[in-house]
Amino acid sequence: MTIQNFNIYTAKGYAGDLVDSGPRVIQTGVLTSASAGFGKGMSRDSGTVAKGVALGGTADVFAISQREYNHEAGVRPSTGNDTVYLNSQSVSLIRQGYVYVQVTNAAVSAGEALSVDTVTGVFSDAANAGTGNAVLTSNVVADEAGLAGDIIKVRLDIV
């Protein structure tokens, strides 16, 4: 008998996916920057838009953009690199709880505080802080270890 291997949609999750149905704090914001992907650090926009958010984090990350499945996939089958939030669209934000993000730059250890790029909102290891636009976060901690390019579980807390 032929053995079938099914390998479509078998990743543990993609950047911006919720880890589980545990307690979390979520809200919606209006994007004031050009575009933002899923699982990116977001900062509060101090402009004229109420509840405005912009791509790029700070030492105290305001929120992480949450993946929404109502966005059309860029390719089929989906690789997880779906279309992004565009300027003036509402963005689903996770303010506190567990979420998946993609690690860039280098490996991270469980329990390590992550750094965030203040322009792109991508997360990387703590040692990357001070390099380019990266700053060490005070409220985003890796809950599991991962290599550069891996999707890992992180904990975000409201500061």
N, C-alpha and C. Protein backbone atom coordinates (compact mmCIF):
# COMPACT_ATOMS: atom_id res chain seq x y z
N MET A 1 0.83 -1.17 0.00
CA MET A 1 0.00 0.00 0.00
C MET A 1 0.89 1.24 0.00
N THR A 2 0.49 2.25 -0.74
CA THR A 2 1.24 3.49 -0.83
C THR A 2 1.09 4.31 0.44
N ILE A 3 2.19 4.84 0.92
CA ILE A 3 2.16 5.69 2.10
C ILE A 3 2.06 7.14 1.63
N GLN A 4 1.10 7.85 2.15
CA GLN A 4 0.94 9.24 1.79
C GLN A 4 1.53 10.14 2.87
N ASN A 5 2.31 11.11 2.43
CA ASN A 5 2.87 12.10 3.35
C ASN A 5 2.17 13.43 3.12
N PHE A 6 1.53 13.93 4.13
CA PHE A 6 0.86 15.22 4.03
C PHE A 6 1.73 16.25 4.73
N ASN A 7 2.19 17.24 3.98
CA ASN A 7 3.07 18.24 4.58
C ASN A 7 2.62 19.67 4.31
N ILE A 8 1.36 19.84 4.06
CA ILE A 8 0.85 21.18 3.81
C ILE A 8 0.24 21.73 5.11
N TYR A 9 0.53 22.98 5.42
CA TYR A 9 0.02 23.63 6.62
C TYR A 9 0.39 22.88 7.90
N THR A 10 1.61 22.41 7.98
CA THR A 10 2.01 21.65 9.16
C THR A 10 2.96 22.42 10.08
N ALA A 11 3.24 23.67 9.77
CA ALA A 11 4.10 24.46 10.64
C ALA A 11 3.40 24.67 11.98
N LYS A 12 4.18 24.84 13.05
CA LYS A 12 3.56 25.04 14.37
C LYS A 12 2.83 26.36 14.44
N GLY A 13 3.18 27.27 13.60
CA GLY A 13 2.54 28.57 13.56
C GLY A 13 3.36 29.53 12.73
N TYR A 14 2.81 30.68 12.49
CA TYR A 14 3.49 31.73 11.74
C TYR A 14 3.59 32.97 12.61
N ALA A 15 4.44 33.88 12.23
CA ALA A 15 4.60 35.12 12.98
C ALA A 15 3.25 35.82 13.12
N GLY A 16 2.93 36.20 14.34
CA GLY A 16 1.67 36.87 14.62
C GLY A 16 0.55 35.96 15.04
N ASP A 17 0.75 34.64 14.93
CA ASP A 17 -0.27 33.68 15.38
C ASP A 17 -0.34 33.66 16.90
N LEU A 18 -1.54 33.47 17.42
CA LEU A 18 -1.69 33.25 18.85
C LEU A 18 -1.20 31.85 19.18
N VAL A 19 -0.58 31.70 20.32
CA VAL A 19 -0.02 30.41 20.71
C VAL A 19 -1.10 29.46 21.19
N ASP A 20 -2.03 29.96 21.97
CA ASP A 20 -3.10 29.14 22.53
C ASP A 20 -4.29 30.03 22.85
N SER A 21 -5.24 29.49 23.55
CA SER A 21 -6.43 30.28 23.88
C SER A 21 -6.36 30.82 25.30
N GLY A 22 -5.14 30.92 25.84
CA GLY A 22 -4.95 31.44 27.19
C GLY A 22 -5.31 32.91 27.29
N PRO A 23 -5.30 33.44 28.50
CA PRO A 23 -5.68 34.83 28.69
C PRO A 23 -4.71 35.78 27.98
N ARG A 24 -5.27 36.85 27.43
CA ARG A 24 -4.45 37.84 26.74
C ARG A 24 -5.21 39.15 26.70
N VAL A 25 -4.50 40.22 26.44
CA VAL A 25 -5.11 41.53 26.27
C VAL A 25 -4.92 41.91 24.82
N ILE A 26 -6.04 42.18 24.14
CA ILE A 26 -5.98 42.55 22.74
C ILE A 26 -6.73 43.85 22.51
N GLN A 27 -6.39 44.52 21.43
CA GLN A 27 -7.13 45.71 21.04
C GLN A 27 -6.90 45.95 19.56
N THR A 28 -7.55 46.96 19.05
CA THR A 28 -7.40 47.33 17.65
C THR A 28 -6.80 48.72 17.57
N GLY A 29 -5.94 48.94 16.60
CA GLY A 29 -5.37 50.25 16.37
C GLY A 29 -5.48 50.60 14.89
N VAL A 30 -5.25 51.84 14.55
CA VAL A 30 -5.25 52.28 13.16
C VAL A 30 -3.80 52.50 12.76
N LEU A 31 -3.38 51.84 11.70
CA LEU A 31 -1.99 51.92 11.26
C LEU A 31 -1.72 53.27 10.61
N THR A 32 -0.71 53.95 11.09
CA THR A 32 -0.36 55.26 10.54
C THR A 32 0.94 55.23 9.74
N SER A 33 1.62 54.07 9.71
CA SER A 33 2.81 53.94 8.86
C SER A 33 2.40 53.27 7.55
N ALA A 34 3.30 53.17 6.62
CA ALA A 34 2.99 52.67 5.27
C ALA A 34 2.38 51.28 5.27
N SER A 35 3.01 50.32 5.92
CA SER A 35 2.48 48.96 6.01
C SER A 35 3.17 48.24 7.16
N ALA A 36 2.56 47.17 7.61
CA ALA A 36 3.13 46.40 8.71
C ALA A 36 2.78 44.94 8.54
N GLY A 37 3.74 44.08 8.78
CA GLY A 37 3.52 42.65 8.69
C GLY A 37 2.97 42.10 9.99
N PHE A 38 2.86 40.79 10.05
CA PHE A 38 2.34 40.11 11.23
C PHE A 38 3.49 39.75 12.17
N GLY A 39 3.24 39.80 13.46
CA GLY A 39 4.26 39.45 14.44
C GLY A 39 5.34 40.50 14.57
N LYS A 40 5.01 41.75 14.30
CA LYS A 40 5.98 42.85 14.37
C LYS A 40 5.72 43.72 15.59
N GLY A 41 6.79 44.28 16.12
CA GLY A 41 6.66 45.22 17.23
C GLY A 41 6.00 46.50 16.75
N MET A 42 5.07 46.99 17.53
CA MET A 42 4.33 48.20 17.17
C MET A 42 4.52 49.23 18.27
N SER A 43 4.57 50.50 17.86
CA SER A 43 4.66 51.58 18.83
C SER A 43 3.40 52.42 18.76
N ARG A 44 3.11 53.10 19.82
CA ARG A 44 1.94 53.98 19.85
C ARG A 44 2.30 55.25 19.10
N ASP A 45 1.44 55.66 18.18
CA ASP A 45 1.67 56.87 17.40
C ASP A 45 1.14 58.06 18.18
N SER A 46 1.97 59.05 18.35
CA SER A 46 1.57 60.22 19.13
C SER A 46 0.93 61.30 18.26
N GLY A 47 0.57 60.95 17.03
CA GLY A 47 -0.04 61.91 16.12
C GLY A 47 -1.50 62.19 16.44
N THR A 48 -2.24 62.61 15.46
CA THR A 48 -3.62 63.03 15.67
C THR A 48 -4.63 61.89 15.61
N VAL A 49 -4.20 60.71 15.20
CA VAL A 49 -5.12 59.58 15.07
C VAL A 49 -5.31 58.90 16.42
N ALA A 50 -6.54 58.86 16.89
CA ALA A 50 -6.81 58.17 18.15
C ALA A 50 -6.53 56.68 17.96
N LYS A 51 -5.89 56.08 18.91
CA LYS A 51 -5.51 54.67 18.85
C LYS A 51 -4.62 54.37 17.64
N GLY A 52 -3.83 55.36 17.21
CA GLY A 52 -2.92 55.16 16.09
C GLY A 52 -1.70 54.37 16.52
N VAL A 53 -1.25 53.48 15.66
CA VAL A 53 -0.03 52.71 15.91
C VAL A 53 0.83 52.76 14.66
N ALA A 54 2.14 52.61 14.86
CA ALA A 54 3.07 52.63 13.75
C ALA A 54 4.00 51.43 13.86
N LEU A 55 4.51 51.00 12.75
CA LEU A 55 5.46 49.89 12.73
C LEU A 55 6.74 50.32 13.42
N GLY A 56 7.32 49.44 14.20
CA GLY A 56 8.57 49.74 14.90
C GLY A 56 8.32 49.82 16.38
N GLY A 57 9.16 49.19 17.14
CA GLY A 57 8.97 49.14 18.58
C GLY A 57 9.85 50.14 19.31
N THR A 58 9.76 50.12 20.60
CA THR A 58 10.62 50.89 21.49
C THR A 58 11.07 49.95 22.59
N ALA A 59 11.80 50.45 23.56
CA ALA A 59 12.24 49.59 24.66
C ALA A 59 11.04 48.96 25.36
N ASP A 60 9.95 49.72 25.47
CA ASP A 60 8.69 49.18 25.98
C ASP A 60 7.78 48.98 24.78
N VAL A 61 7.74 47.77 24.23
CA VAL A 61 6.93 47.50 23.05
C VAL A 61 5.47 47.69 23.40
N PHE A 62 4.76 48.51 22.63
CA PHE A 62 3.35 48.79 22.90
C PHE A 62 2.49 47.56 22.62
N ALA A 63 2.74 46.90 21.48
CA ALA A 63 1.95 45.73 21.09
C ALA A 63 2.69 44.97 20.00
N ILE A 64 2.19 43.78 19.69
CA ILE A 64 2.69 42.99 18.56
C ILE A 64 1.51 42.77 17.63
N SER A 65 1.73 43.00 16.34
CA SER A 65 0.64 42.84 15.37
C SER A 65 0.25 41.37 15.28
N GLN A 66 -1.04 41.14 15.32
CA GLN A 66 -1.58 39.77 15.33
C GLN A 66 -2.01 39.38 13.92
N ARG A 67 -1.75 38.15 13.56
CA ARG A 67 -2.16 37.63 12.25
C ARG A 67 -3.67 37.53 12.17
N GLU A 68 -4.20 37.96 11.05
CA GLU A 68 -5.63 37.82 10.79
C GLU A 68 -5.79 36.96 9.55
N TYR A 69 -6.69 36.01 9.61
CA TYR A 69 -6.85 35.10 8.49
C TYR A 69 -7.79 35.63 7.41
N ASN A 70 -8.30 36.83 7.60
CA ASN A 70 -9.14 37.41 6.56
C ASN A 70 -8.31 38.15 5.51
N HIS A 71 -6.99 38.16 5.68
CA HIS A 71 -6.11 38.72 4.66
C HIS A 71 -5.81 37.64 3.63
N GLU A 72 -5.85 38.00 2.38
CA GLU A 72 -5.62 37.05 1.30
C GLU A 72 -4.16 36.60 1.28
N ALA A 73 -3.92 35.32 1.10
CA ALA A 73 -2.57 34.81 1.02
C ALA A 73 -1.89 35.30 -0.25
N GLY A 74 -0.60 35.63 -0.14
CA GLY A 74 0.14 36.10 -1.30
C GLY A 74 0.38 35.00 -2.32
N VAL A 75 0.57 33.77 -1.84
CA VAL A 75 0.77 32.61 -2.71
C VAL A 75 -0.06 31.46 -2.18
N ARG A 76 -0.32 30.48 -3.04
CA ARG A 76 -1.07 29.30 -2.63
C ARG A 76 -0.27 28.06 -2.94
N PRO A 77 -0.09 27.10 -2.07
CA PRO A 77 -0.53 27.17 -0.68
C PRO A 77 0.23 28.25 0.07
N SER A 78 -0.39 28.76 1.11
CA SER A 78 0.19 29.87 1.86
C SER A 78 1.50 29.47 2.51
N THR A 79 2.47 30.34 2.42
CA THR A 79 3.76 30.13 3.08
C THR A 79 3.80 30.83 4.42
N GLY A 80 2.73 31.53 4.77
CA GLY A 80 2.71 32.30 6.00
C GLY A 80 3.11 33.75 5.76
N ASN A 81 3.60 34.04 4.57
CA ASN A 81 3.98 35.41 4.22
C ASN A 81 2.81 36.09 3.52
N ASP A 82 1.73 36.23 4.23
CA ASP A 82 0.52 36.79 3.65
C ASP A 82 0.67 38.29 3.45
N THR A 83 -0.31 38.86 2.83
CA THR A 83 -0.31 40.31 2.67
C THR A 83 -0.29 40.97 4.04
N VAL A 84 0.01 42.22 4.06
CA VAL A 84 0.22 42.92 5.32
C VAL A 84 -0.89 43.93 5.57
N TYR A 85 -0.86 44.51 6.75
CA TYR A 85 -1.75 45.63 7.06
C TYR A 85 -1.24 46.84 6.28
N LEU A 86 -2.15 47.60 5.70
CA LEU A 86 -1.78 48.78 4.94
C LEU A 86 -2.13 50.04 5.72
N ASN A 87 -1.54 51.16 5.32
CA ASN A 87 -1.77 52.44 5.97
C ASN A 87 -3.27 52.72 6.11
N SER A 88 -3.68 53.14 7.28
CA SER A 88 -5.04 53.51 7.67
C SER A 88 -5.98 52.31 7.87
N GLN A 89 -5.47 51.07 7.77
CA GLN A 89 -6.28 49.90 8.09
C GLN A 89 -6.26 49.65 9.59
N SER A 90 -7.29 48.98 10.08
CA SER A 90 -7.28 48.60 11.49
C SER A 90 -6.37 47.39 11.66
N VAL A 91 -5.62 47.40 12.74
CA VAL A 91 -4.64 46.36 13.03
C VAL A 91 -5.03 45.67 14.32
N SER A 92 -5.08 44.34 14.29
CA SER A 92 -5.31 43.58 15.52
C SER A 92 -4.00 43.53 16.29
N LEU A 93 -4.06 43.92 17.54
CA LEU A 93 -2.86 44.03 18.37
C LEU A 93 -2.99 43.14 19.59
N ILE A 94 -1.91 42.48 19.95
CA ILE A 94 -1.87 41.78 21.23
C ILE A 94 -1.00 42.62 22.14
N ARG A 95 -1.56 43.01 23.27
CA ARG A 95 -0.85 43.87 24.23
C ARG A 95 -0.21 43.06 25.34
N GLN A 96 -0.81 41.91 25.66
CA GLN A 96 -0.25 41.05 26.71
C GLN A 96 -0.65 39.63 26.44
N GLY A 97 0.31 38.72 26.58
CA GLY A 97 0.05 37.31 26.38
C GLY A 97 1.13 36.67 25.53
N TYR A 98 0.85 35.48 25.05
CA TYR A 98 1.81 34.71 24.26
C TYR A 98 1.47 34.82 22.77
N VAL A 99 2.49 34.96 21.96
CA VAL A 99 2.32 35.10 20.51
C VAL A 99 3.59 34.58 19.84
N TYR A 100 3.46 34.14 18.60
CA TYR A 100 4.63 33.70 17.84
C TYR A 100 5.24 34.89 17.09
N VAL A 101 6.58 34.97 17.09
CA VAL A 101 7.29 35.95 16.28
C VAL A 101 8.44 35.25 15.58
N GLN A 102 8.94 35.87 14.53
CA GLN A 102 10.11 35.32 13.83
C GLN A 102 11.36 36.01 14.35
N VAL A 103 12.36 35.21 14.68
CA VAL A 103 13.63 35.72 15.19
C VAL A 103 14.55 36.00 14.01
N THR A 104 15.18 37.15 14.01
CA THR A 104 16.17 37.46 12.98
C THR A 104 17.54 37.57 13.63
N ASN A 105 18.56 37.60 12.84
CA ASN A 105 19.93 37.87 13.26
C ASN A 105 20.67 36.70 13.89
N ALA A 106 20.22 36.20 15.05
CA ALA A 106 20.98 35.15 15.74
C ALA A 106 20.06 34.32 16.63
N ALA A 107 20.63 33.26 17.18
CA ALA A 107 19.87 32.37 18.06
C ALA A 107 19.49 33.07 19.36
N VAL A 108 18.36 32.67 19.93
CA VAL A 108 17.93 33.18 21.22
C VAL A 108 17.71 32.01 22.17
N SER A 109 17.83 32.29 23.45
CA SER A 109 17.61 31.28 24.48
C SER A 109 16.28 31.52 25.17
N ALA A 110 15.70 30.46 25.70
CA ALA A 110 14.47 30.61 26.47
C ALA A 110 14.74 31.51 27.67
N GLY A 111 13.85 32.44 27.94
CA GLY A 111 14.01 33.35 29.06
C GLY A 111 14.77 34.62 28.73
N GLU A 112 15.28 34.73 27.51
CA GLU A 112 16.07 35.89 27.10
C GLU A 112 15.16 37.04 26.67
N ALA A 113 15.47 38.24 27.13
CA ALA A 113 14.76 39.43 26.65
C ALA A 113 15.19 39.65 25.21
N LEU A 114 14.25 40.02 24.34
CA LEU A 114 14.57 40.23 22.93
C LEU A 114 14.84 41.69 22.65
N SER A 115 15.51 41.95 21.54
CA SER A 115 15.64 43.32 21.06
C SER A 115 14.67 43.50 19.91
N VAL A 116 14.28 44.74 19.65
CA VAL A 116 13.35 45.05 18.58
C VAL A 116 13.94 46.17 17.74
N ASP A 117 13.75 46.09 16.43
CA ASP A 117 14.19 47.15 15.54
C ASP A 117 13.16 48.27 15.59
N THR A 118 13.60 49.48 15.90
CA THR A 118 12.68 50.60 16.09
C THR A 118 12.06 51.09 14.79
N VAL A 119 12.53 50.58 13.64
CA VAL A 119 11.98 50.99 12.35
C VAL A 119 11.13 49.88 11.74
N THR A 120 11.65 48.66 11.74
CA THR A 120 10.95 47.55 11.07
C THR A 120 10.08 46.72 12.01
N GLY A 121 10.34 46.78 13.32
CA GLY A 121 9.55 46.01 14.27
C GLY A 121 9.94 44.55 14.38
N VAL A 122 11.04 44.13 13.73
CA VAL A 122 11.45 42.72 13.82
C VAL A 122 12.19 42.48 15.12
N PHE A 123 12.12 41.24 15.60
CA PHE A 123 12.73 40.87 16.87
C PHE A 123 14.01 40.08 16.63
N SER A 124 14.97 40.28 17.52
CA SER A 124 16.23 39.54 17.45
C SER A 124 16.77 39.31 18.85
N ASP A 125 17.95 38.71 18.94
CA ASP A 125 18.54 38.38 20.23
C ASP A 125 18.95 39.64 20.99
N ALA A 126 19.15 39.50 22.29
CA ALA A 126 19.50 40.64 23.15
C ALA A 126 20.84 41.25 22.75
N ALA A 127 21.77 40.43 22.27
CA ALA A 127 23.09 40.93 21.91
C ALA A 127 23.03 41.88 20.72
N ASN A 128 21.95 41.86 19.97
CA ASN A 128 21.80 42.74 18.80
C ASN A 128 21.43 44.17 19.21
N ALA A 129 21.02 44.37 20.46
CA ALA A 129 20.65 45.70 20.94
C ALA A 129 21.84 46.64 20.79
N GLY A 130 21.57 47.83 20.29
CA GLY A 130 22.64 48.80 20.07
C GLY A 130 23.22 48.73 18.67
N THR A 131 22.85 47.72 17.91
CA THR A 131 23.30 47.58 16.54
C THR A 131 22.23 48.14 15.61
N GLY A 132 22.59 49.12 14.80
CA GLY A 132 21.61 49.73 13.90
C GLY A 132 20.50 50.38 14.70
N ASN A 133 19.26 49.99 14.42
CA ASN A 133 18.09 50.56 15.10
C ASN A 133 17.56 49.67 16.21
N ALA A 134 18.29 48.63 16.60
CA ALA A 134 17.80 47.68 17.59
C ALA A 134 17.99 48.19 19.01
N VAL A 135 16.93 48.03 19.81
CA VAL A 135 16.98 48.37 21.25
C VAL A 135 16.50 47.17 22.05
N LEU A 136 17.02 47.02 23.25
CA LEU A 136 16.61 45.92 24.12
C LEU A 136 15.23 46.22 24.68
N THR A 137 14.34 45.24 24.60
CA THR A 137 12.98 45.44 25.12
C THR A 137 12.95 45.14 26.61
N SER A 138 12.00 45.74 27.28
CA SER A 138 11.83 45.47 28.71
C SER A 138 10.65 44.53 28.96
N ASN A 139 9.88 44.24 27.89
CA ASN A 139 8.64 43.48 28.11
C ASN A 139 8.38 42.37 27.09
N VAL A 140 9.36 42.00 26.27
CA VAL A 140 9.20 40.88 25.34
C VAL A 140 10.29 39.86 25.66
N VAL A 141 9.86 38.68 26.09
CA VAL A 141 10.80 37.64 26.52
C VAL A 141 10.53 36.36 25.74
N ALA A 142 11.61 35.73 25.26
CA ALA A 142 11.48 34.46 24.54
C ALA A 142 11.04 33.38 25.52
N ASP A 143 10.00 32.64 25.17
CA ASP A 143 9.53 31.55 26.01
C ASP A 143 10.15 30.23 25.59
N GLU A 144 10.76 30.22 24.41
CA GLU A 144 11.46 29.03 23.92
C GLU A 144 12.67 29.47 23.11
N ALA A 145 13.61 28.57 22.98
CA ALA A 145 14.83 28.87 22.23
C ALA A 145 14.57 28.76 20.73
N GLY A 146 15.37 29.45 19.94
CA GLY A 146 15.22 29.37 18.49
C GLY A 146 16.43 29.93 17.78
N LEU A 147 16.62 29.51 16.55
CA LEU A 147 17.70 29.99 15.70
C LEU A 147 17.19 31.13 14.84
N ALA A 148 18.10 31.85 14.21
CA ALA A 148 17.71 32.92 13.30
C ALA A 148 16.79 32.35 12.22
N GLY A 149 15.66 33.00 12.00
CA GLY A 149 14.69 32.55 11.01
C GLY A 149 13.59 31.67 11.59
N ASP A 150 13.75 31.21 12.83
CA ASP A 150 12.74 30.37 13.47
C ASP A 150 11.56 31.18 13.98
N ILE A 151 10.42 30.52 14.07
CA ILE A 151 9.23 31.08 14.70
C ILE A 151 9.25 30.59 16.14
N ILE A 152 9.24 31.54 17.09
CA ILE A 152 9.28 31.14 18.51
C ILE A 152 8.13 31.78 19.29
N LYS A 153 7.85 31.18 20.41
CA LYS A 153 6.82 31.68 21.33
C LYS A 153 7.45 32.73 22.23
N VAL A 154 6.81 33.90 22.32
CA VAL A 154 7.29 34.95 23.20
C VAL A 154 6.16 35.40 24.12
N ARG A 155 6.55 36.02 25.22
CA ARG A 155 5.60 36.58 26.17
C ARG A 155 5.74 38.10 26.12
N LEU A 156 4.64 38.78 25.90
CA LEU A 156 4.58 40.24 25.90
C LEU A 156 3.77 40.69 27.10
N ASP A 157 4.29 41.65 27.87
CA ASP A 157 3.56 42.19 29.01
C ASP A 157 3.38 43.69 28.85
N ILE A 158 2.31 44.20 29.38
CA ILE A 158 2.05 45.64 29.36
C ILE A 158 2.95 46.30 30.40
N VAL A 159 3.63 47.37 29.99
CA VAL A 159 4.51 48.10 30.90
C VAL A 159 3.81 49.37 31.32
